[in-house]
Amino acid sequence: LSPLSAAGHLFQCRGALLHRAGRLEAARAAYRSAVRHGCGAPAFVGWALLEEEAGEHGEAAGLFSRGADLEPEHAPLHNAHAAFAERRGDTDGARSIFRAACRPGACGQARSFVG
């Protein structure tokens, strides 16, 4: 890992721990730092799940999309995004996300840690 990437992963872990502790504002700031330091899809997933919990569904959807744009092969992100859509009652949207993620060559090996 590059120093920038390592810092991003540390911020992402901090965000996950703060989120679990119920410190949403501090967790949000940590996830924002993780993204700024190059953590990538795992930080976007954790941050999106935080926003969903906070009732910020539009923000959560946008974060899932930003993470997918950054790392289109990150299978855990697509899984979390589809599950989010399903929880919102959008079964067709969830299926569409899964179908797009499952097309040949769409999801290779991915790193994952969302907390």
PDB file of N, CA and C in Angstrom:
ATOM      1  N   LEU A   1       0.827  -1.186   0.000  1.00  0.00           N
ATOM      2  CA  LEU A   1       0.000   0.000   0.000  1.00  0.00           C
ATOM      3  C   LEU A   1       0.870   1.248   0.000  1.00  0.00           C
ATOM      4  N   SER A   2       0.457   2.214  -0.752  1.00  0.00           N
ATOM      5  CA  SER A   2       1.153   3.496  -0.718  1.00  0.00           C
ATOM      6  C   SER A   2       0.814   4.199   0.594  1.00  0.00           C
ATOM      7  N   PRO A   3       1.641   5.145   1.023  1.00  0.00           N
ATOM      8  CA  PRO A   3       1.311   5.872   2.259  1.00  0.00           C
ATOM      9  C   PRO A   3      -0.061   6.537   2.209  1.00  0.00           C
ATOM     10  N   LEU A   4      -0.427   7.070   1.042  1.00  0.00           N
ATOM     11  CA  LEU A   4      -1.734   7.696   0.900  1.00  0.00           C
ATOM     12  C   LEU A   4      -2.840   6.667   1.085  1.00  0.00           C
ATOM     13  N   SER A   5      -2.695   5.512   0.431  1.00  0.00           N
ATOM     14  CA  SER A   5      -3.688   4.456   0.534  1.00  0.00           C
ATOM     15  C   SER A   5      -3.766   3.900   1.955  1.00  0.00           C
ATOM     16  N   ALA A   6      -2.615   3.721   2.605  1.00  0.00           N
ATOM     17  CA  ALA A   6      -2.603   3.203   3.979  1.00  0.00           C
ATOM     18  C   ALA A   6      -3.351   4.162   4.902  1.00  0.00           C
ATOM     19  N   ALA A   7      -3.133   5.453   4.742  1.00  0.00           N
ATOM     20  CA  ALA A   7      -3.851   6.435   5.558  1.00  0.00           C
ATOM     21  C   ALA A   7      -5.350   6.343   5.306  1.00  0.00           C
ATOM     22  N   GLY A   8      -5.719   6.158   4.049  1.00  0.00           N
ATOM     23  CA  GLY A   8      -7.135   6.019   3.711  1.00  0.00           C
ATOM     24  C   GLY A   8      -7.770   4.847   4.414  1.00  0.00           C
ATOM     25  N   HIS A   9      -7.061   3.722   4.454  1.00  0.00           N
ATOM     26  CA  HIS A   9      -7.611   2.543   5.124  1.00  0.00           C
ATOM     27  C   HIS A   9      -7.715   2.753   6.630  1.00  0.00           C
ATOM     28  N   LEU A  10      -6.776   3.474   7.206  1.00  0.00           N
ATOM     29  CA  LEU A  10      -6.868   3.777   8.634  1.00  0.00           C
ATOM     30  C   LEU A  10      -8.076   4.663   8.927  1.00  0.00           C
ATOM     31  N   PHE A  11      -8.307   5.667   8.082  1.00  0.00           N
ATOM     32  CA  PHE A  11      -9.487   6.512   8.260  1.00  0.00           C
ATOM     33  C   PHE A  11     -10.764   5.702   8.069  1.00  0.00           C
ATOM     34  N   GLN A  12     -10.744   4.777   7.121  1.00  0.00           N
ATOM     35  CA  GLN A  12     -11.924   3.948   6.886  1.00  0.00           C
ATOM     36  C   GLN A  12     -12.222   3.088   8.108  1.00  0.00           C
ATOM     37  N   CYS A  13     -11.199   2.492   8.689  1.00  0.00           N
ATOM     38  CA  CYS A  13     -11.386   1.686   9.912  1.00  0.00           C
ATOM     39  C   CYS A  13     -11.909   2.556  11.046  1.00  0.00           C
ATOM     40  N   ARG A  14     -11.357   3.753  11.170  1.00  0.00           N
ATOM     41  CA  ARG A  14     -11.825   4.688  12.199  1.00  0.00           C
ATOM     42  C   ARG A  14     -13.305   5.011  11.989  1.00  0.00           C
ATOM     43  N   GLY A  15     -13.677   5.246  10.738  1.00  0.00           N
ATOM     44  CA  GLY A  15     -15.080   5.523  10.428  1.00  0.00           C
ATOM     45  C   GLY A  15     -15.989   4.376  10.830  1.00  0.00           C
ATOM     46  N   ALA A  16     -15.557   3.147  10.535  1.00  0.00           N
ATOM     47  CA  ALA A  16     -16.363   1.983  10.889  1.00  0.00           C
ATOM     48  C   ALA A  16     -16.527   1.866  12.408  1.00  0.00           C
ATOM     49  N   LEU A  17     -15.442   2.075  13.142  1.00  0.00           N
ATOM     50  CA  LEU A  17     -15.516   1.984  14.606  1.00  0.00           C
ATOM     51  C   LEU A  17     -16.401   3.088  15.195  1.00  0.00           C
ATOM     52  N   LEU A  18     -16.244   4.295  14.694  1.00  0.00           N
ATOM     53  CA  LEU A  18     -17.072   5.397  15.179  1.00  0.00           C
ATOM     54  C   LEU A  18     -18.546   5.180  14.823  1.00  0.00           C
ATOM     55  N   HIS A  19     -18.789   4.656  13.655  1.00  0.00           N
ATOM     56  CA  HIS A  19     -20.163   4.361  13.230  1.00  0.00           C
ATOM     57  C   HIS A  19     -20.785   3.347  14.185  1.00  0.00           C
ATOM     58  N   ARG A  20     -20.068   2.288  14.480  1.00  0.00           N
ATOM     59  CA  ARG A  20     -20.577   1.277  15.422  1.00  0.00           C
ATOM     60  C   ARG A  20     -20.838   1.856  16.802  1.00  0.00           C
ATOM     61  N   ALA A  21     -20.045   2.844  17.185  1.00  0.00           N
ATOM     62  CA  ALA A  21     -20.207   3.484  18.494  1.00  0.00           C
ATOM     63  C   ALA A  21     -21.333   4.521  18.491  1.00  0.00           C
ATOM     64  N   GLY A  22     -21.949   4.737  17.322  1.00  0.00           N
ATOM     65  CA  GLY A  22     -23.047   5.683  17.230  1.00  0.00           C
ATOM     66  C   GLY A  22     -22.621   7.129  17.088  1.00  0.00           C
ATOM     67  N   ARG A  23     -21.372   7.356  16.810  1.00  0.00           N
ATOM     68  CA  ARG A  23     -20.844   8.716  16.651  1.00  0.00           C
ATOM     69  C   ARG A  23     -20.851   9.070  15.160  1.00  0.00           C
ATOM     70  N   LEU A  24     -22.042   9.333  14.658  1.00  0.00           N
ATOM     71  CA  LEU A  24     -22.231   9.460  13.214  1.00  0.00           C
ATOM     72  C   LEU A  24     -21.478  10.638  12.596  1.00  0.00           C
ATOM     73  N   GLU A  25     -21.468  11.791  13.237  1.00  0.00           N
ATOM     74  CA  GLU A  25     -20.754  12.937  12.660  1.00  0.00           C
ATOM     75  C   GLU A  25     -19.257  12.661  12.572  1.00  0.00           C
ATOM     76  N   ALA A  26     -18.695  12.090  13.629  1.00  0.00           N
ATOM     77  CA  ALA A  26     -17.265  11.763  13.618  1.00  0.00           C
ATOM     78  C   ALA A  26     -16.971  10.676  12.593  1.00  0.00           C
ATOM     79  N   ALA A  27     -17.868   9.703  12.483  1.00  0.00           N
ATOM     80  CA  ALA A  27     -17.696   8.634  11.492  1.00  0.00           C
ATOM     81  C   ALA A  27     -17.759   9.199  10.083  1.00  0.00           C
ATOM     82  N   ARG A  28     -18.702  10.089   9.854  1.00  0.00           N
ATOM     83  CA  ARG A  28     -18.842  10.722   8.534  1.00  0.00           C
ATOM     84  C   ARG A  28     -17.547  11.453   8.153  1.00  0.00           C
ATOM     85  N   ALA A  29     -16.975  12.180   9.108  1.00  0.00           N
ATOM     86  CA  ALA A  29     -15.720  12.899   8.849  1.00  0.00           C
ATOM     87  C   ALA A  29     -14.585  11.927   8.552  1.00  0.00           C
ATOM     88  N   ALA A  30     -14.549  10.803   9.266  1.00  0.00           N
ATOM     89  CA  ALA A  30     -13.504   9.810   9.018  1.00  0.00           C
ATOM     90  C   ALA A  30     -13.656   9.191   7.634  1.00  0.00           C
ATOM     91  N   TYR A  31     -14.891   8.860   7.239  1.00  0.00           N
ATOM     92  CA  TYR A  31     -15.105   8.302   5.900  1.00  0.00           C
ATOM     93  C   TYR A  31     -14.724   9.319   4.827  1.00  0.00           C
ATOM     94  N   ARG A  32     -15.058  10.575   5.054  1.00  0.00           N
ATOM     95  CA  ARG A  32     -14.695  11.623   4.093  1.00  0.00           C
ATOM     96  C   ARG A  32     -13.170  11.686   3.937  1.00  0.00           C
ATOM     97  N   SER A  33     -12.462  11.589   5.059  1.00  0.00           N
ATOM     98  CA  SER A  33     -10.993  11.578   5.014  1.00  0.00           C
ATOM     99  C   SER A  33     -10.473  10.333   4.315  1.00  0.00           C
ATOM    100  N   ALA A  34     -11.127   9.202   4.553  1.00  0.00           N
ATOM    101  CA  ALA A  34     -10.712   7.960   3.897  1.00  0.00           C
ATOM    102  C   ALA A  34     -10.786   8.088   2.382  1.00  0.00           C
ATOM    103  N   VAL A  35     -11.881   8.653   1.908  1.00  0.00           N
ATOM    104  CA  VAL A  35     -12.053   8.850   0.461  1.00  0.00           C
ATOM    105  C   VAL A  35     -10.995   9.818  -0.065  1.00  0.00           C
ATOM    106  N   ARG A  36     -10.769  10.891   0.663  1.00  0.00           N
ATOM    107  CA  ARG A  36      -9.782  11.894   0.245  1.00  0.00           C
ATOM    108  C   ARG A  36      -8.372  11.301   0.192  1.00  0.00           C
ATOM    109  N   HIS A  37      -8.111  10.297   1.047  1.00  0.00           N
ATOM    110  CA  HIS A  37      -6.795   9.664   1.084  1.00  0.00           C
ATOM    111  C   HIS A  37      -6.722   8.383   0.245  1.00  0.00           C
ATOM    112  N   GLY A  38      -7.692   8.161  -0.613  1.00  0.00           N
ATOM    113  CA  GLY A  38      -7.600   7.089  -1.590  1.00  0.00           C
ATOM    114  C   GLY A  38      -8.055   5.714  -1.163  1.00  0.00           C
ATOM    115  N   CYS A  39      -8.874   5.622  -0.129  1.00  0.00           N
ATOM    116  CA  CYS A  39      -9.325   4.291   0.302  1.00  0.00           C
ATOM    117  C   CYS A  39     -10.188   3.617  -0.752  1.00  0.00           C
ATOM    118  N   GLY A  40     -11.082   4.325  -1.367  1.00  0.00           N
ATOM    119  CA  GLY A  40     -11.878   3.759  -2.444  1.00  0.00           C
ATOM    120  C   GLY A  40     -13.191   3.150  -1.993  1.00  0.00           C
ATOM    121  N   ALA A  41     -13.592   2.093  -2.681  1.00  0.00           N
ATOM    122  CA  ALA A  41     -14.922   1.515  -2.515  1.00  0.00           C
ATOM    123  C   ALA A  41     -15.270   1.133  -1.077  1.00  0.00           C
ATOM    124  N   PRO A  42     -14.373   0.514  -0.299  1.00  0.00           N
ATOM    125  CA  PRO A  42     -14.777   0.170   1.075  1.00  0.00           C
ATOM    126  C   PRO A  42     -15.227   1.383   1.888  1.00  0.00           C
ATOM    127  N   ALA A  43     -14.566   2.518   1.698  1.00  0.00           N
ATOM    128  CA  ALA A  43     -14.975   3.724   2.419  1.00  0.00           C
ATOM    129  C   ALA A  43     -16.325   4.221   1.921  1.00  0.00           C
ATOM    130  N   PHE A  44     -16.556   4.146   0.614  1.00  0.00           N
ATOM    131  CA  PHE A  44     -17.846   4.570   0.081  1.00  0.00           C
ATOM    132  C   PHE A  44     -18.973   3.686   0.608  1.00  0.00           C
ATOM    133  N   VAL A  45     -18.735   2.384   0.736  1.00  0.00           N
ATOM    134  CA  VAL A  45     -19.764   1.483   1.262  1.00  0.00           C
ATOM    135  C   VAL A  45     -20.089   1.845   2.704  1.00  0.00           C
ATOM    136  N   GLY A  46     -19.060   1.959   3.541  1.00  0.00           N
ATOM    137  CA  GLY A  46     -19.304   2.299   4.939  1.00  0.00           C
ATOM    138  C   GLY A  46     -20.023   3.627   5.086  1.00  0.00           C
ATOM    139  N   TRP A  47     -19.579   4.617   4.320  1.00  0.00           N
ATOM    140  CA  TRP A  47     -20.174   5.948   4.376  1.00  0.00           C
ATOM    141  C   TRP A  47     -21.632   5.909   3.903  1.00  0.00           C
ATOM    142  N   ALA A  48     -21.889   5.174   2.820  1.00  0.00           N
ATOM    143  CA  ALA A  48     -23.263   5.056   2.312  1.00  0.00           C
ATOM    144  C   ALA A  48     -24.170   4.387   3.339  1.00  0.00           C
ATOM    145  N   LEU A  49     -23.683   3.357   4.005  1.00  0.00           N
ATOM    146  CA  LEU A  49     -24.489   2.685   5.021  1.00  0.00           C
ATOM    147  C   LEU A  49     -24.768   3.617   6.201  1.00  0.00           C
ATOM    148  N   LEU A  50     -23.796   4.447   6.553  1.00  0.00           N
ATOM    149  CA  LEU A  50     -24.007   5.448   7.596  1.00  0.00           C
ATOM    150  C   LEU A  50     -25.116   6.411   7.180  1.00  0.00           C
ATOM    151  N   GLU A  51     -25.044   6.915   5.948  1.00  0.00           N
ATOM    152  CA  GLU A  51     -26.051   7.865   5.473  1.00  0.00           C
ATOM    153  C   GLU A  51     -27.433   7.222   5.419  1.00  0.00           C
ATOM    154  N   GLU A  52     -27.483   5.960   5.039  1.00  0.00           N
ATOM    155  CA  GLU A  52     -28.769   5.255   5.051  1.00  0.00           C
ATOM    156  C   GLU A  52     -29.324   5.230   6.474  1.00  0.00           C
ATOM    157  N   GLU A  53     -28.503   4.872   7.430  1.00  0.00           N
ATOM    158  CA  GLU A  53     -28.930   4.816   8.828  1.00  0.00           C
ATOM    159  C   GLU A  53     -29.410   6.183   9.310  1.00  0.00           C
ATOM    160  N   ALA A  54     -28.766   7.243   8.831  1.00  0.00           N
ATOM    161  CA  ALA A  54     -29.131   8.606   9.221  1.00  0.00           C
ATOM    162  C   ALA A  54     -30.369   9.112   8.470  1.00  0.00           C
ATOM    163  N   GLY A  55     -30.916   8.293   7.567  1.00  0.00           N
ATOM    164  CA  GLY A  55     -32.099   8.693   6.804  1.00  0.00           C
ATOM    165  C   GLY A  55     -31.798   9.516   5.572  1.00  0.00           C
ATOM    166  N   GLU A  56     -30.531   9.633   5.228  1.00  0.00           N
ATOM    167  CA  GLU A  56     -30.097  10.407   4.053  1.00  0.00           C
ATOM    168  C   GLU A  56     -29.976   9.470   2.846  1.00  0.00           C
ATOM    169  N   HIS A  57     -31.127   8.993   2.368  1.00  0.00           N
ATOM    170  CA  HIS A  57     -31.125   7.963   1.319  1.00  0.00           C
ATOM    171  C   HIS A  57     -30.574   8.463  -0.006  1.00  0.00           C
ATOM    172  N   GLY A  58     -30.842   9.698  -0.361  1.00  0.00           N
ATOM    173  CA  GLY A  58     -30.284  10.248  -1.598  1.00  0.00           C
ATOM    174  C   GLY A  58     -28.770  10.332  -1.534  1.00  0.00           C
ATOM    175  N   GLU A  59     -28.263  10.765  -0.389  1.00  0.00           N
ATOM    176  CA  GLU A  59     -26.814  10.831  -0.192  1.00  0.00           C
ATOM    177  C   GLU A  59     -26.205   9.432  -0.262  1.00  0.00           C
ATOM    178  N   ALA A  60     -26.862   8.462   0.369  1.00  0.00           N
ATOM    179  CA  ALA A  60     -26.369   7.079   0.349  1.00  0.00           C
ATOM    180  C   ALA A  60     -26.299   6.555  -1.083  1.00  0.00           C
ATOM    181  N   ALA A  61     -27.357   6.769  -1.850  1.00  0.00           N
ATOM    182  CA  ALA A  61     -27.373   6.309  -3.242  1.00  0.00           C
ATOM    183  C   ALA A  61     -26.237   6.948  -4.034  1.00  0.00           C
ATOM    184  N   GLY A  62     -26.009   8.234  -3.815  1.00  0.00           N
ATOM    185  CA  GLY A  62     -24.929   8.922  -4.510  1.00  0.00           C
ATOM    186  C   GLY A  62     -23.562   8.374  -4.152  1.00  0.00           C
ATOM    187  N   LEU A  63     -23.378   8.028  -2.885  1.00  0.00           N
ATOM    188  CA  LEU A  63     -22.097   7.459  -2.455  1.00  0.00           C
ATOM    189  C   LEU A  63     -21.866   6.083  -3.068  1.00  0.00           C
ATOM    190  N   PHE A  64     -22.919   5.266  -3.120  1.00  0.00           N
ATOM    191  CA  PHE A  64     -22.772   3.966  -3.785  1.00  0.00           C
ATOM    192  C   PHE A  64     -22.368   4.169  -5.242  1.00  0.00           C
ATOM    193  N   SER A  65     -22.987   5.126  -5.901  1.00  0.00           N
ATOM    194  CA  SER A  65     -22.668   5.389  -7.312  1.00  0.00           C
ATOM    195  C   SER A  65     -21.240   5.889  -7.481  1.00  0.00           C
ATOM    196  N   ARG A  66     -20.811   6.786  -6.598  1.00  0.00           N
ATOM    197  CA  ARG A  66     -19.428   7.287  -6.680  1.00  0.00           C
ATOM    198  C   ARG A  66     -18.425   6.153  -6.475  1.00  0.00           C
ATOM    199  N   GLY A  67     -18.706   5.271  -5.522  1.00  0.00           N
ATOM    200  CA  GLY A  67     -17.819   4.131  -5.290  1.00  0.00           C
ATOM    201  C   GLY A  67     -17.775   3.205  -6.486  1.00  0.00           C
ATOM    202  N   ALA A  68     -18.926   2.966  -7.110  1.00  0.00           N
ATOM    203  CA  ALA A  68     -18.976   2.095  -8.292  1.00  0.00           C
ATOM    204  C   ALA A  68     -18.257   2.728  -9.473  1.00  0.00           C
ATOM    205  N   ASP A  69     -18.348   4.045  -9.602  1.00  0.00           N
ATOM    206  CA  ASP A  69     -17.621   4.728 -10.670  1.00  0.00           C
ATOM    207  C   ASP A  69     -16.116   4.594 -10.466  1.00  0.00           C
ATOM    208  N   LEU A  70     -15.684   4.662  -9.212  1.00  0.00           N
ATOM    209  CA  LEU A  70     -14.268   4.585  -8.887  1.00  0.00           C
ATOM    210  C   LEU A  70     -13.723   3.168  -9.035  1.00  0.00           C
ATOM    211  N   GLU A  71     -14.495   2.189  -8.562  1.00  0.00           N
ATOM    212  CA  GLU A  71     -14.062   0.786  -8.597  1.00  0.00           C
ATOM    213  C   GLU A  71     -15.207  -0.095  -9.101  1.00  0.00           C
ATOM    214  N   PRO A  72     -15.409  -0.124 -10.423  1.00  0.00           N
ATOM    215  CA  PRO A  72     -16.544  -0.871 -10.976  1.00  0.00           C
ATOM    216  C   PRO A  72     -16.480  -2.376 -10.752  1.00  0.00           C
ATOM    217  N   GLU A  73     -15.319  -2.898 -10.382  1.00  0.00           N
ATOM    218  CA  GLU A  73     -15.200  -4.343 -10.153  1.00  0.00           C
ATOM    219  C   GLU A  73     -15.356  -4.721  -8.682  1.00  0.00           C
ATOM    220  N   HIS A  74     -15.728  -3.803  -7.844  1.00  0.00           N
ATOM    221  CA  HIS A  74     -15.806  -4.081  -6.407  1.00  0.00           C
ATOM    222  C   HIS A  74     -17.146  -4.754  -6.081  1.00  0.00           C
ATOM    223  N   ALA A  75     -17.141  -6.086  -6.081  1.00  0.00           N
ATOM    224  CA  ALA A  75     -18.366  -6.863  -5.880  1.00  0.00           C
ATOM    225  C   ALA A  75     -19.076  -6.553  -4.566  1.00  0.00           C
ATOM    226  N   PRO A  76     -18.357  -6.422  -3.424  1.00  0.00           N
ATOM    227  CA  PRO A  76     -19.085  -6.116  -2.186  1.00  0.00           C
ATOM    228  C   PRO A  76     -19.845  -4.790  -2.241  1.00  0.00           C
ATOM    229  N   LEU A  77     -19.325  -3.814  -2.977  1.00  0.00           N
ATOM    230  CA  LEU A  77     -20.043  -2.559  -3.127  1.00  0.00           C
ATOM    231  C   LEU A  77     -21.351  -2.786  -3.872  1.00  0.00           C
ATOM    232  N   HIS A  78     -21.313  -3.543  -4.946  1.00  0.00           N
ATOM    233  CA  HIS A  78     -22.532  -3.811  -5.709  1.00  0.00           C
ATOM    234  C   HIS A  78     -23.543  -4.579  -4.855  1.00  0.00           C
ATOM    235  N   ASN A  79     -23.069  -5.517  -4.059  1.00  0.00           N
ATOM    236  CA  ASN A  79     -23.955  -6.273  -3.182  1.00  0.00           C
ATOM    237  C   ASN A  79     -24.622  -5.339  -2.169  1.00  0.00           C
ATOM    238  N   ALA A  80     -23.830  -4.474  -1.537  1.00  0.00           N
ATOM    239  CA  ALA A  80     -24.386  -3.541  -0.559  1.00  0.00           C
ATOM    240  C   ALA A  80     -25.354  -2.557  -1.219  1.00  0.00           C
ATOM    241  N   HIS A  81     -25.016  -2.113  -2.423  1.00  0.00           N
ATOM    242  CA  HIS A  81     -25.878  -1.170  -3.147  1.00  0.00           C
ATOM    243  C   HIS A  81     -27.219  -1.831  -3.485  1.00  0.00           C
ATOM    244  N   ALA A  82     -27.175  -3.050  -3.978  1.00  0.00           N
ATOM    245  CA  ALA A  82     -28.411  -3.758  -4.314  1.00  0.00           C
ATOM    246  C   ALA A  82     -29.250  -4.024  -3.064  1.00  0.00           C
ATOM    247  N   ALA A  83     -28.598  -4.403  -1.972  1.00  0.00           N
ATOM    248  CA  ALA A  83     -29.329  -4.635  -0.721  1.00  0.00           C
ATOM    249  C   ALA A  83     -29.982  -3.331  -0.241  1.00  0.00           C
ATOM    250  N   PHE A  84     -29.294  -2.218  -0.400  1.00  0.00           N
ATOM    251  CA  PHE A  84     -29.847  -0.904  -0.064  1.00  0.00           C
ATOM    252  C   PHE A  84     -31.101  -0.643  -0.899  1.00  0.00           C
ATOM    253  N   ALA A  85     -31.018  -0.882  -2.195  1.00  0.00           N
ATOM    254  CA  ALA A  85     -32.173  -0.673  -3.070  1.00  0.00           C
ATOM    255  C   ALA A  85     -33.339  -1.564  -2.635  1.00  0.00           C
ATOM    256  N   GLU A  86     -33.051  -2.796  -2.299  1.00  0.00           N
ATOM    257  CA  GLU A  86     -34.099  -3.727  -1.851  1.00  0.00           C
ATOM    258  C   GLU A  86     -34.741  -3.240  -0.547  1.00  0.00           C
ATOM    259  N   ARG A  87     -33.923  -2.764   0.387  1.00  0.00           N
ATOM    260  CA  ARG A  87     -34.475  -2.247   1.643  1.00  0.00           C
ATOM    261  C   ARG A  87     -35.383  -1.040   1.402  1.00  0.00           C
ATOM    262  N   ARG A  88     -35.139  -0.317   0.354  1.00  0.00           N
ATOM    263  CA  ARG A  88     -35.956   0.847  -0.001  1.00  0.00           C
ATOM    264  C   ARG A  88     -37.188   0.448  -0.805  1.00  0.00           C
ATOM    265  N   GLY A  89     -37.359  -0.854  -1.041  1.00  0.00           N
ATOM    266  CA  GLY A  89     -38.516  -1.339  -1.775  1.00  0.00           C
ATOM    267  C   GLY A  89     -38.341  -1.334  -3.278  1.00  0.00           C
ATOM    268  N   ASP A  90     -37.132  -1.107  -3.742  1.00  0.00           N
ATOM    269  CA  ASP A  90     -36.852  -1.045  -5.180  1.00  0.00           C
ATOM    270  C   ASP A  90     -36.273  -2.378  -5.657  1.00  0.00           C
ATOM    271  N   THR A  91     -37.136  -3.367  -5.741  1.00  0.00           N
ATOM    272  CA  THR A  91     -36.696  -4.704  -6.148  1.00  0.00           C
ATOM    273  C   THR A  91     -36.143  -4.700  -7.568  1.00  0.00           C
ATOM    274  N   ASP A  92     -36.790  -3.987  -8.464  1.00  0.00           N
ATOM    275  CA  ASP A  92     -36.292  -3.924  -9.844  1.00  0.00           C
ATOM    276  C   ASP A  92     -34.916  -3.264  -9.897  1.00  0.00           C
ATOM    277  N   GLY A  93     -34.731  -2.215  -9.127  1.00  0.00           N
ATOM    278  CA  GLY A  93     -33.428  -1.549  -9.071  1.00  0.00           C
ATOM    279  C   GLY A  93     -32.354  -2.468  -8.517  1.00  0.00           C
ATOM    280  N   ALA A  94     -32.701  -3.221  -7.474  1.00  0.00           N
ATOM    281  CA  ALA A  94     -31.747  -4.167  -6.892  1.00  0.00           C
ATOM    282  C   ALA A  94     -31.345  -5.221  -7.921  1.00  0.00           C
ATOM    283  N   ARG A  95     -32.324  -5.738  -8.640  1.00  0.00           N
ATOM    284  CA  ARG A  95     -32.021  -6.743  -9.678  1.00  0.00           C
ATOM    285  C   ARG A  95     -31.124  -6.152 -10.761  1.00  0.00           C
ATOM    286  N   SER A  96     -31.404  -4.926 -11.132  1.00  0.00           N
ATOM    287  CA  SER A  96     -30.600  -4.262 -12.159  1.00  0.00           C
ATOM    288  C   SER A  96     -29.147  -4.108 -11.702  1.00  0.00           C
ATOM    289  N   ILE A  97     -28.952  -3.729 -10.448  1.00  0.00           N
ATOM    290  CA  ILE A  97     -27.595  -3.588  -9.903  1.00  0.00           C
ATOM    291  C   ILE A  97     -26.894  -4.939  -9.925  1.00  0.00           C
ATOM    292  N   PHE A  98     -27.585  -5.986  -9.467  1.00  0.00           N
ATOM    293  CA  PHE A  98     -26.989  -7.331  -9.476  1.00  0.00           C
ATOM    294  C   PHE A  98     -26.666  -7.793 -10.895  1.00  0.00           C
ATOM    295  N   ARG A  99     -27.589  -7.568 -11.826  1.00  0.00           N
ATOM    296  CA  ARG A  99     -27.340  -7.981 -13.216  1.00  0.00           C
ATOM    297  C   ARG A  99     -26.121  -7.275 -13.799  1.00  0.00           C
ATOM    298  N   ALA A 100     -26.027  -5.988 -13.577  1.00  0.00           N
ATOM    299  CA  ALA A 100     -24.884  -5.235 -14.094  1.00  0.00           C
ATOM    300  C   ALA A 100     -23.583  -5.729 -13.477  1.00  0.00           C
ATOM    301  N   ALA A 101     -23.623  -6.052 -12.199  1.00  0.00           N
ATOM    302  CA  ALA A 101     -22.418  -6.516 -11.510  1.00  0.00           C
ATOM    303  C   ALA A 101     -22.028  -7.930 -11.929  1.00  0.00           C
ATOM    304  N   CYS A 102     -22.998  -8.716 -12.375  1.00  0.00           N
ATOM    305  CA  CYS A 102     -22.736 -10.123 -12.705  1.00  0.00           C
ATOM    306  C   CYS A 102     -22.405 -10.372 -14.172  1.00  0.00           C
ATOM    307  N   ARG A 103     -22.460  -9.344 -14.996  1.00  0.00           N
ATOM    308  CA  ARG A 103     -22.120  -9.579 -16.400  1.00  0.00           C
ATOM    309  C   ARG A 103     -20.647 -10.005 -16.490  1.00  0.00           C
ATOM    310  N   PRO A 104     -20.297 -10.792 -17.479  1.00  0.00           N
ATOM    311  CA  PRO A 104     -18.925 -11.297 -17.587  1.00  0.00           C
ATOM    312  C   PRO A 104     -17.894 -10.171 -17.516  1.00  0.00           C
ATOM    313  N   GLY A 105     -16.919 -10.372 -16.667  1.00  0.00           N
ATOM    314  CA  GLY A 105     -15.821  -9.419 -16.523  1.00  0.00           C
ATOM    315  C   GLY A 105     -16.133  -8.209 -15.664  1.00  0.00           C
ATOM    316  N   ALA A 106     -17.360  -8.127 -15.126  1.00  0.00           N
ATOM    317  CA  ALA A 106     -17.736  -6.934 -14.369  1.00  0.00           C
ATOM    318  C   ALA A 106     -17.066  -6.888 -13.001  1.00  0.00           C
ATOM    319  N   CYS A 107     -16.990  -7.991 -12.330  1.00  0.00           N
ATOM    320  CA  CYS A 107     -16.433  -7.998 -10.969  1.00  0.00           C
ATOM    321  C   CYS A 107     -15.285  -8.983 -10.876  1.00  0.00           C
ATOM    322  N   GLY A 108     -14.101  -8.447 -10.786  1.00  0.00           N
ATOM    323  CA  GLY A 108     -12.916  -9.265 -10.563  1.00  0.00           C
ATOM    324  C   GLY A 108     -12.675  -9.383  -9.084  1.00  0.00           C
ATOM    325  N   GLN A 109     -11.430  -9.560  -8.719  1.00  0.00           N
ATOM    326  CA  GLN A 109     -11.100  -9.635  -7.304  1.00  0.00           C
ATOM    327  C   GLN A 109     -11.191  -8.244  -6.709  1.00  0.00           C
ATOM    328  N   ALA A 110     -11.693  -8.182  -5.514  1.00  0.00           N
ATOM    329  CA  ALA A 110     -11.868  -6.890  -4.844  1.00  0.00           C
ATOM    330  C   ALA A 110     -11.437  -6.987  -3.403  1.00  0.00           C
ATOM    331  N   ARG A 111     -10.956  -5.880  -2.895  1.00  0.00           N
ATOM    332  CA  ARG A 111     -10.656  -5.844  -1.469  1.00  0.00           C
ATOM    333  C   ARG A 111     -11.908  -5.361  -0.751  1.00  0.00           C
ATOM    334  N   SER A 112     -12.087  -5.811   0.455  1.00  0.00           N
ATOM    335  CA  SER A 112     -13.281  -5.405   1.162  1.00  0.00           C
ATOM    336  C   SER A 112     -13.032  -5.320   2.643  1.00  0.00           C
ATOM    337  N   PHE A 113     -13.455  -4.241   3.208  1.00  0.00           N
ATOM    338  CA  PHE A 113     -13.558  -4.115   4.652  1.00  0.00           C
ATOM    339  C   PHE A 113     -14.449  -2.931   4.898  1.00  0.00           C
ATOM    340  N   VAL A 114     -15.631  -3.185   5.368  1.00  0.00           N
ATOM    341  CA  VAL A 114     -16.544  -2.099   5.657  1.00  0.00           C
ATOM    342  C   VAL A 114     -16.830  -1.985   7.146  1.00  0.00           C
ATOM    343  N   GLY A 115     -16.262  -2.848   7.930  1.00  0.00           N
ATOM    344  CA  GLY A 115     -16.420  -2.701   9.377  1.00  0.00           C
ATOM    345  C   GLY A 115     -17.290  -3.663  10.000  1.00  0.00           C
TER     346      GLY A 115
END
